[in-house]
């Protein structure tokens, strides 16, 4: 079985979080409804904290080199996995932000992106060495917490 490095996943996570920060900051700045504005501002701040956490986490993995015959294929796979999440593509975020017309659109898109992040991290969790699984599990947990907060706000606004 091919094992992927936690450090490569952390690099992708850092990029997802940086773009997530830009996404949530833009939404916070554009929303008029106080509850939604506050949540997006909170999520932007959380993404900023995650960036710092993941950068620290990267330090523990940065020297690992996967023992694989075709490194190019390995990096192509990681890139393909990352490409599934719009938070890894700046132009994707801009296109999505242009489609946000109201609070419902913003919440729906944020939920979709958090789900995509969770799917990415769950997918790669089984591809890292056992000693690195806790780090990936922490990434999943943090994204699940974002998703929970978005669902709560959506539920509260539908009452």
Protein backbone atom coordinates (compact mmCIF):
# COMPACT_ATOMS: atom_id res chain seq x y z
CA UNK A 1 0.00 0.00 0.00
CA UNK A 2 1.21 3.48 -0.83
CA UNK A 3 1.49 5.79 2.16
CA UNK A 4 1.37 9.54 1.80
CA UNK A 5 3.21 11.99 3.94
CA UNK A 6 1.38 13.95 6.59
CA UNK A 7 3.47 16.97 5.64
CA UNK A 8 2.04 17.02 2.10
CA UNK A 9 -1.46 16.88 3.50
CA UNK A 10 -0.60 19.65 5.94
CA UNK A 11 0.60 21.81 3.03
CA UNK A 12 -2.72 21.30 1.29
CA UNK A 13 -4.57 21.99 4.54
CA UNK A 14 -2.67 25.25 4.96
CA UNK A 15 -3.71 26.33 1.46
CA UNK A 16 -7.33 25.32 2.08
CA UNK A 17 -7.33 27.28 5.35
CA UNK A 18 -5.75 30.37 3.73
CA UNK A 19 -8.38 30.40 1.03
CA UNK A 20 -11.07 29.62 3.58
CA UNK A 21 -9.92 32.65 5.55
CA UNK A 22 -10.22 34.86 2.44
CA UNK A 23 -13.64 33.36 1.65
CA UNK A 24 -15.08 33.87 5.13
CA UNK A 25 -13.56 37.33 5.51
CA UNK A 26 -15.15 38.40 2.21
CA UNK A 27 -18.51 36.98 3.29
CA UNK A 28 -18.28 38.68 6.69
CA UNK A 29 -17.53 42.00 5.02
CA UNK A 30 -20.44 41.65 2.59
CA UNK A 31 -23.20 40.44 4.95
CA UNK A 32 -25.61 42.86 6.56
CA UNK A 33 -27.37 40.36 8.85
CA UNK A 34 -25.60 40.56 12.18
CA UNK A 35 -25.79 36.85 13.10
CA UNK A 36 -24.40 35.69 9.75
CA UNK A 37 -21.78 38.43 9.68
CA UNK A 38 -20.64 37.42 13.17
CA UNK A 39 -20.42 33.72 12.25
CA UNK A 40 -18.41 34.39 9.09
CA UNK A 41 -16.14 36.74 11.02
CA UNK A 42 -15.70 34.03 13.66
CA UNK A 43 -14.96 31.39 11.00
CA UNK A 44 -12.41 33.68 9.34
CA UNK A 45 -10.68 34.09 12.70
CA UNK A 46 -10.79 30.32 13.22
CA UNK A 47 -9.23 29.74 9.80
CA UNK A 48 -6.45 32.15 10.72
CA UNK A 49 -5.78 30.16 13.92
CA UNK A 50 -5.84 26.93 11.94
CA UNK A 51 -3.25 28.27 9.54
CA UNK A 52 -0.87 28.89 12.45
CA UNK A 53 -1.67 25.50 13.99
CA UNK A 54 -1.14 23.68 10.73
CA UNK A 55 2.11 25.53 10.08
CA UNK A 56 3.34 24.32 13.48
CA UNK A 57 2.08 20.84 12.74
CA UNK A 58 3.93 20.90 9.43
CA UNK A 59 7.21 21.29 11.27
CA UNK A 60 6.76 17.83 12.80
CA UNK A 61 6.25 16.26 9.36
CA UNK A 62 8.43 18.32 7.03
CA UNK A 63 11.43 15.97 6.92
CA UNK A 64 9.45 12.88 5.98
CA UNK A 65 10.07 11.64 2.44
CA UNK A 66 7.77 8.93 1.18
CA UNK A 67 9.54 5.80 0.02
CA UNK A 68 7.87 5.52 -3.34
CA UNK A 69 9.30 4.81 -6.78
CA UNK A 70 7.46 7.56 -8.66
CA UNK A 71 7.42 10.82 -6.71
CA UNK A 72 5.88 12.69 -9.65
CA UNK A 73 2.86 10.37 -9.56
CA UNK A 74 2.66 10.88 -5.79
CA UNK A 75 2.59 14.66 -6.05
CA UNK A 76 0.09 14.47 -8.92
CA UNK A 77 -2.23 12.45 -6.68
CA UNK A 78 -1.96 14.92 -3.81
CA UNK A 79 -2.61 17.78 -6.23
CA UNK A 80 -5.63 16.00 -7.71
CA UNK A 81 -7.06 15.43 -4.24
CA UNK A 82 -6.52 19.07 -3.37
CA UNK A 83 -8.08 20.18 -6.65
CA UNK A 84 -11.39 18.69 -5.59
CA UNK A 85 -11.71 21.40 -2.94
CA UNK A 86 -12.54 24.85 -4.28
CA UNK A 87 -10.65 26.34 -1.32
CA UNK A 88 -7.42 25.37 -3.04
CA UNK A 89 -8.18 27.55 -6.07
CA UNK A 90 -8.33 31.31 -5.61
CA UNK A 91 -10.27 31.86 -8.81
CA UNK A 92 -12.85 29.34 -7.62
CA UNK A 93 -13.48 31.36 -4.49
CA UNK A 94 -13.91 34.59 -6.45
CA UNK A 95 -16.41 32.91 -8.79
CA UNK A 96 -18.37 31.55 -5.83
CA UNK A 97 -18.38 34.90 -4.03
CA UNK A 98 -19.87 36.48 -7.14
CA UNK A 99 -22.77 34.02 -6.90
CA UNK A 100 -23.62 34.90 -3.29
CA UNK A 101 -26.81 36.95 -3.45
CA UNK A 102 -28.12 36.55 0.07
CA UNK A 103 -27.64 34.95 3.48
CA UNK A 104 -29.01 31.58 2.33
CA UNK A 105 -26.56 31.40 -0.59
CA UNK A 106 -23.67 32.29 1.72
CA UNK A 107 -24.59 29.65 4.29
CA UNK A 108 -25.23 26.99 1.65
CA UNK A 109 -21.88 27.62 -0.01
CA UNK A 110 -20.01 27.67 3.28
CA UNK A 111 -21.60 24.35 4.25
CA UNK A 112 -20.63 22.86 0.89
CA UNK A 113 -17.04 23.96 1.25
CA UNK A 114 -16.74 22.65 4.79
CA UNK A 115 -18.12 19.31 3.60
CA UNK A 116 -15.57 19.24 0.77
CA UNK A 117 -12.77 19.89 3.23
CA UNK A 118 -13.96 17.09 5.50
CA UNK A 119 -14.19 14.70 2.54
CA UNK A 120 -10.63 15.61 1.51
CA UNK A 121 -9.21 15.01 4.98
CA UNK A 122 -11.15 11.78 5.50
CA UNK A 123 -9.98 10.50 2.11
CA UNK A 124 -6.31 11.11 2.85
CA UNK A 125 -6.49 9.92 6.45
CA UNK A 126 -6.23 6.32 5.32
CA UNK A 127 -3.21 7.11 3.18
CA UNK A 128 -0.83 8.30 5.86
CA UNK A 129 1.21 6.27 8.30
CA UNK A 130 -0.55 5.28 11.50
CA UNK A 131 1.65 7.66 13.51
CA UNK A 132 0.30 10.59 11.48
CA UNK A 133 -3.39 9.73 11.66
CA UNK A 134 -3.99 11.78 14.81
CA UNK A 135 -2.88 14.93 13.01
CA UNK A 136 -5.26 14.26 10.15
CA UNK A 137 -8.06 13.40 12.57
CA UNK A 138 -7.55 16.82 14.18
CA UNK A 139 -8.01 18.47 10.77
CA UNK A 140 -11.26 16.57 10.30
CA UNK A 141 -12.45 17.55 13.78
CA UNK A 142 -11.81 21.25 13.18
CA UNK A 143 -13.71 21.23 9.89
CA UNK A 144 -16.58 19.32 11.53
CA UNK A 145 -16.80 22.05 14.16
CA UNK A 146 -17.12 24.69 11.42
CA UNK A 147 -19.83 22.64 9.77
CA UNK A 148 -21.71 22.24 13.06
CA UNK A 149 -21.75 26.00 13.62
CA UNK A 150 -23.02 26.61 10.09
CA UNK A 151 -25.78 24.02 10.51
CA UNK A 152 -26.84 25.58 13.81
CA UNK A 153 -27.14 29.01 12.25
CA UNK A 154 -29.03 27.61 9.27
CA UNK A 155 -31.42 25.75 11.59
CA UNK A 156 -31.94 28.83 13.78
CA UNK A 157 -32.69 30.98 10.73
CA UNK A 158 -35.25 28.49 9.42
CA UNK A 159 -37.37 28.56 12.57
